[in-house]
N, C-alpha and C. Protein backbone atom coordinates (compact mmCIF):
# COMPACT_ATOMS: atom_id res chain seq x y z
N MET A 1 138.56 77.52 95.80
CA MET A 1 138.74 79.19 95.04
C MET A 1 137.27 79.37 95.01
N LEU A 2 137.05 80.57 94.67
CA LEU A 2 136.04 80.93 94.55
C LEU A 2 135.73 81.45 92.77
N ASN A 3 134.56 81.22 91.88
CA ASN A 3 134.78 81.43 91.22
C ASN A 3 135.07 83.39 90.86
N CYS A 4 135.47 83.38 89.81
CA CYS A 4 136.01 84.77 89.23
C CYS A 4 134.19 85.52 88.91
N PHE A 5 134.51 87.52 88.85
CA PHE A 5 133.33 87.56 89.18
C PHE A 5 133.54 89.35 88.43
N GLU A 6 132.80 89.95 87.84
CA GLU A 6 133.52 91.27 86.54
C GLU A 6 132.43 92.27 87.62
N ASN A 7 133.35 93.11 87.74
CA ASN A 7 133.33 94.39 88.66
C ASN A 7 132.95 95.48 87.44
N LYS A 8 132.04 96.13 86.87
CA LYS A 8 131.67 96.92 85.84
C LYS A 8 131.49 98.70 86.56
N THR A 9 131.34 98.44 87.96
CA THR A 9 130.67 99.82 88.32
C THR A 9 132.19 100.55 88.84
N GLY A 10 133.53 99.64 89.06
CA GLY A 10 134.48 99.96 90.19
C GLY A 10 133.97 99.80 91.56
N LEU A 11 134.78 99.85 92.56
CA LEU A 11 134.54 100.16 93.66
C LEU A 11 134.93 101.43 94.43
N LYS A 12 134.19 101.26 95.94
CA LYS A 12 134.53 102.89 96.63
C LYS A 12 135.89 103.06 97.33
N GLN A 13 136.48 103.82 97.34
CA GLN A 13 137.34 103.75 98.61
C GLN A 13 136.96 103.50 100.06
N SER A 14 135.67 104.08 100.46
CA SER A 14 135.60 104.09 101.65
C SER A 14 135.21 102.66 101.64
N ASP A 15 134.93 101.57 100.82
CA ASP A 15 134.23 99.84 101.13
C ASP A 15 135.37 99.38 101.61
N PRO A 16 135.42 98.87 102.48
CA PRO A 16 136.06 97.57 103.22
C PRO A 16 136.82 96.68 102.39
N LEU A 17 136.18 96.49 101.72
CA LEU A 17 136.66 95.47 100.60
C LEU A 17 136.73 95.50 100.28
N THR A 18 137.40 97.08 99.21
CA THR A 18 138.39 97.47 98.48
C THR A 18 139.44 97.15 98.82
N PRO A 19 140.48 97.69 99.91
CA PRO A 19 141.88 97.34 99.86
C PRO A 19 142.11 95.28 99.95
N ILE A 20 141.35 94.34 100.14
CA ILE A 20 141.61 93.03 100.13
C ILE A 20 141.93 93.12 98.67
N LEU A 21 140.21 93.14 98.09
CA LEU A 21 140.14 93.31 96.61
C LEU A 21 141.21 93.51 96.03
N PHE A 22 142.04 94.72 96.67
CA PHE A 22 142.97 95.34 94.77
C PHE A 22 144.56 94.36 95.50
N HIS A 23 144.46 93.97 96.92
CA HIS A 23 145.81 93.55 97.45
C HIS A 23 145.52 92.13 96.62
N LEU A 24 143.92 91.30 96.38
CA LEU A 24 144.62 90.05 96.18
C LEU A 24 144.87 90.06 94.52
N ALA A 25 144.32 91.31 94.01
CA ALA A 25 144.30 91.33 92.86
C ALA A 25 145.51 91.29 91.88
N LEU A 26 146.39 92.73 92.85
CA LEU A 26 147.84 93.03 92.33
C LEU A 26 148.71 91.56 92.83
N GLN A 27 148.64 91.33 93.82
CA GLN A 27 149.96 89.90 94.08
C GLN A 27 149.18 88.83 93.50
N LYS A 28 148.55 88.68 92.17
CA LYS A 28 147.89 87.87 91.03
C LYS A 28 148.59 87.92 89.67
N VAL A 29 149.46 89.70 89.77
CA VAL A 29 149.91 90.23 88.43
C VAL A 29 151.18 90.12 88.86
N ILE A 30 151.74 90.23 90.23
CA ILE A 30 152.77 89.92 90.91
C ILE A 30 153.60 88.52 90.55
N GLN A 31 152.50 87.74 90.50
CA GLN A 31 152.98 85.53 90.53
C GLN A 31 152.92 85.81 89.05
N CYS A 32 151.99 86.01 88.26
CA CYS A 32 152.14 85.72 86.25
C CYS A 32 153.49 87.09 86.45
N THR A 33 153.49 88.12 86.80
CA THR A 33 154.95 88.43 85.81
C THR A 33 156.58 88.09 86.32
N LYS A 34 156.85 87.10 87.86
CA LYS A 34 157.16 86.87 88.39
C LYS A 34 157.76 85.55 87.41
N MET A 35 156.84 84.40 86.32
CA MET A 35 156.85 83.45 85.54
C MET A 35 157.89 83.61 84.34
N PHE A 36 158.18 85.63 83.95
CA PHE A 36 158.39 85.98 82.88
C PHE A 36 159.67 85.28 82.92
N PRO A 37 161.05 85.24 81.83
CA PRO A 37 161.96 84.05 82.39
C PRO A 37 162.92 86.08 81.92
N SER A 38 163.96 85.35 83.33
CA SER A 38 164.77 86.51 83.92
C SER A 38 166.35 86.43 83.30
N ASP A 39 166.76 87.45 83.20
CA ASP A 39 168.84 87.50 83.09
C ASP A 39 169.24 87.14 83.89
N LEU A 40 168.64 87.72 85.53
CA LEU A 40 168.94 88.46 86.93
C LEU A 40 169.16 86.81 87.90
N ARG A 41 169.77 86.64 88.16
CA ARG A 41 169.98 85.69 89.26
C ARG A 41 170.48 85.52 90.49
N ILE A 42 170.34 85.39 91.37
CA ILE A 42 171.22 84.74 92.52
C ILE A 42 171.10 83.48 93.00
N GLY A 43 171.99 82.69 93.22
CA GLY A 43 171.83 81.84 93.38
C GLY A 43 171.47 81.16 92.34
N LYS A 44 170.50 80.63 92.43
CA LYS A 44 169.87 79.33 90.63
C LYS A 44 167.95 80.21 91.19
N GLU A 45 167.92 80.72 92.25
CA GLU A 45 166.87 81.88 92.06
C GLU A 45 166.94 82.97 90.84
N GLN A 46 165.47 83.05 89.61
CA GLN A 46 165.61 84.14 88.99
C GLN A 46 165.32 85.01 89.64
N LEU A 47 166.26 86.26 89.20
CA LEU A 47 164.95 87.40 90.01
C LEU A 47 164.62 88.77 89.17
N ASN A 48 163.18 89.13 88.58
CA ASN A 48 162.40 89.87 87.59
C ASN A 48 161.82 91.22 88.26
N ILE A 49 161.44 90.38 89.57
CA ILE A 49 160.49 91.86 90.49
C ILE A 49 160.51 91.86 91.83
N SER A 50 160.20 93.36 92.26
CA SER A 50 160.12 92.98 93.85
C SER A 50 159.04 93.68 94.01
N ALA A 51 158.39 93.45 95.11
CA ALA A 51 156.58 93.97 95.43
C ALA A 51 156.85 94.37 97.24
N TYR A 52 156.50 95.46 97.63
CA TYR A 52 156.26 95.62 99.26
C TYR A 52 154.71 96.65 99.27
N ALA A 53 153.79 96.13 99.36
CA ALA A 53 151.79 96.90 99.33
C ALA A 53 152.13 97.12 97.89
N ASP A 54 151.98 97.94 97.97
CA ASP A 54 151.81 98.78 96.32
C ASP A 54 152.68 99.16 95.90
N ASP A 55 153.96 99.13 96.20
CA ASP A 55 154.88 99.62 95.41
C ASP A 55 155.93 98.78 94.70
N ILE A 56 155.97 98.56 93.37
CA ILE A 56 156.92 96.95 92.56
C ILE A 56 157.93 97.81 92.15
N ALA A 57 159.02 96.91 92.04
CA ALA A 57 160.37 97.23 91.61
C ALA A 57 160.37 95.82 90.41
N LEU A 58 160.48 96.82 89.24
CA LEU A 58 160.81 95.29 87.89
C LEU A 58 162.47 95.14 88.05
N ILE A 59 163.27 94.55 87.86
CA ILE A 59 164.75 94.32 87.72
C ILE A 59 165.03 93.55 86.61
N GLY A 60 166.02 93.86 86.16
CA GLY A 60 166.81 93.60 84.98
C GLY A 60 167.87 94.41 84.56
N LYS A 61 168.47 93.59 83.72
CA LYS A 61 170.04 93.86 84.01
C LYS A 61 169.80 95.42 82.78
N ASN A 62 168.97 95.28 81.73
CA ASN A 62 168.71 96.79 80.82
C ASN A 62 167.67 96.84 80.45
N GLU A 63 167.43 98.38 80.14
CA GLU A 63 166.82 99.17 80.29
C GLU A 63 165.51 98.53 79.00
N ILE A 64 165.59 97.78 77.96
CA ILE A 64 164.95 97.17 76.68
C ILE A 64 164.04 95.83 78.05
N GLY A 65 165.46 95.01 78.45
CA GLY A 65 164.55 94.02 79.12
C GLY A 65 163.67 94.65 80.61
N ILE A 66 163.56 95.47 80.63
CA ILE A 66 162.77 95.80 82.04
C ILE A 66 162.06 96.65 81.49
N ARG A 67 161.61 97.57 80.10
CA ARG A 67 160.59 97.93 79.50
C ARG A 67 160.00 96.69 78.61
N LYS A 68 160.65 95.54 78.23
CA LYS A 68 159.47 94.51 78.16
C LYS A 68 158.77 93.65 79.22
N GLN A 69 159.61 93.80 80.78
CA GLN A 69 158.57 93.21 81.46
C GLN A 69 157.21 94.01 82.19
N PHE A 70 157.77 95.73 82.07
CA PHE A 70 156.44 96.42 81.96
C PHE A 70 155.60 95.99 80.72
N VAL A 71 155.54 96.06 79.90
CA VAL A 71 154.55 96.01 79.13
C VAL A 71 154.38 94.69 79.45
N GLU A 72 154.38 93.83 79.71
CA GLU A 72 154.22 92.36 80.25
C GLU A 72 153.18 92.12 81.07
N MET A 73 153.61 92.94 82.13
CA MET A 73 153.20 93.66 84.03
C MET A 73 152.15 94.24 83.27
N GLU A 74 152.01 95.26 82.35
CA GLU A 74 151.02 96.15 82.29
C GLU A 74 149.67 95.64 81.68
N ASN A 75 150.14 94.63 80.35
CA ASN A 75 149.00 93.32 79.87
C ASN A 75 148.43 92.92 81.29
N ILE A 76 148.95 92.37 82.11
CA ILE A 76 148.20 91.04 82.73
C ILE A 76 147.62 92.31 84.04
N ALA A 77 147.84 93.07 84.48
CA ALA A 77 147.57 94.03 85.20
C ALA A 77 145.97 94.28 84.79
N ARG A 78 145.97 94.34 83.28
CA ARG A 78 144.37 94.76 82.18
C ARG A 78 143.92 94.17 82.48
N LYS A 79 144.17 93.08 82.88
CA LYS A 79 143.07 91.84 82.58
C LYS A 79 142.15 91.83 83.85
N PHE A 80 142.96 92.19 84.90
CA PHE A 80 142.43 91.87 86.01
C PHE A 80 141.91 93.73 86.66
N GLY A 81 141.60 94.30 85.87
CA GLY A 81 141.53 95.65 86.05
C GLY A 81 142.08 96.68 86.52
N LEU A 82 143.56 96.55 86.95
CA LEU A 82 144.25 97.30 87.22
C LEU A 82 144.82 97.60 86.34
N GLN A 83 145.27 99.34 86.28
CA GLN A 83 145.86 100.38 85.35
C GLN A 83 147.19 100.97 86.37
N ILE A 84 148.43 100.74 85.49
CA ILE A 84 149.21 101.21 85.54
C ILE A 84 149.67 102.39 86.22
N ASN A 85 149.89 104.05 86.69
CA ASN A 85 149.58 105.07 86.48
C ASN A 85 151.28 105.58 85.72
N GLN A 86 151.43 105.99 85.07
CA GLN A 86 152.80 106.38 84.32
C GLN A 86 152.60 108.01 84.97
N GLU A 87 152.09 108.21 85.30
CA GLU A 87 152.70 109.64 86.18
C GLU A 87 153.55 109.30 86.94
N LYS A 88 153.15 108.00 88.00
CA LYS A 88 153.64 108.06 89.01
C LYS A 88 155.27 106.78 88.93
N THR A 89 155.08 106.52 87.57
CA THR A 89 156.07 105.31 87.02
C THR A 89 157.87 106.13 87.38
N LYS A 90 158.20 105.14 87.31
CA LYS A 90 159.50 106.06 87.41
C LYS A 90 160.58 104.61 87.09
N TYR A 91 161.86 104.63 86.18
CA TYR A 91 162.81 103.81 85.91
C TYR A 91 164.23 104.51 86.32
N VAL A 92 164.31 103.70 87.09
CA VAL A 92 166.24 102.77 87.45
C VAL A 92 167.01 101.64 87.03
N ILE A 93 168.17 102.77 85.76
CA ILE A 93 169.13 102.08 85.36
C ILE A 93 170.07 101.60 85.86
N VAL A 94 170.35 100.71 86.99
CA VAL A 94 171.40 100.30 87.44
C VAL A 94 172.76 100.08 87.38
N LYS A 95 173.81 100.14 87.04
CA LYS A 95 175.00 99.27 86.62
C LYS A 95 176.25 99.08 86.89
N GLY A 96 176.52 98.29 88.10
CA GLY A 96 177.81 97.62 88.13
C GLY A 96 178.55 96.17 88.01
N LYS A 97 179.70 96.11 88.27
CA LYS A 97 180.06 95.33 87.97
C LYS A 97 179.35 93.25 88.32
N THR A 98 179.93 92.48 87.99
CA THR A 98 179.20 91.45 88.04
C THR A 98 180.41 90.33 89.28
N VAL A 99 179.82 90.33 90.14
CA VAL A 99 180.22 89.80 91.31
C VAL A 99 180.36 88.27 91.32
């Protein structure tokens, strides 16, 4: 893989490389977030994040766990030069019976 580079000026939205670089950075954030332990499992697989394009859902059993995941993901994103827009961030806590 290529060596990392630092972007000090940002990228123009019209630049054809912008979506590619964004998705590469976002994929790395998602992969790193998946490494954090989760108390939620489907079979033998732990489940703590689901993503489609630039929409991300953090999954957990309670609000405290999800907030911890969010802080960790935010720290990882910052390392890659990404910021999470707090105005677009939504929290949904779903409680149900264990099957």
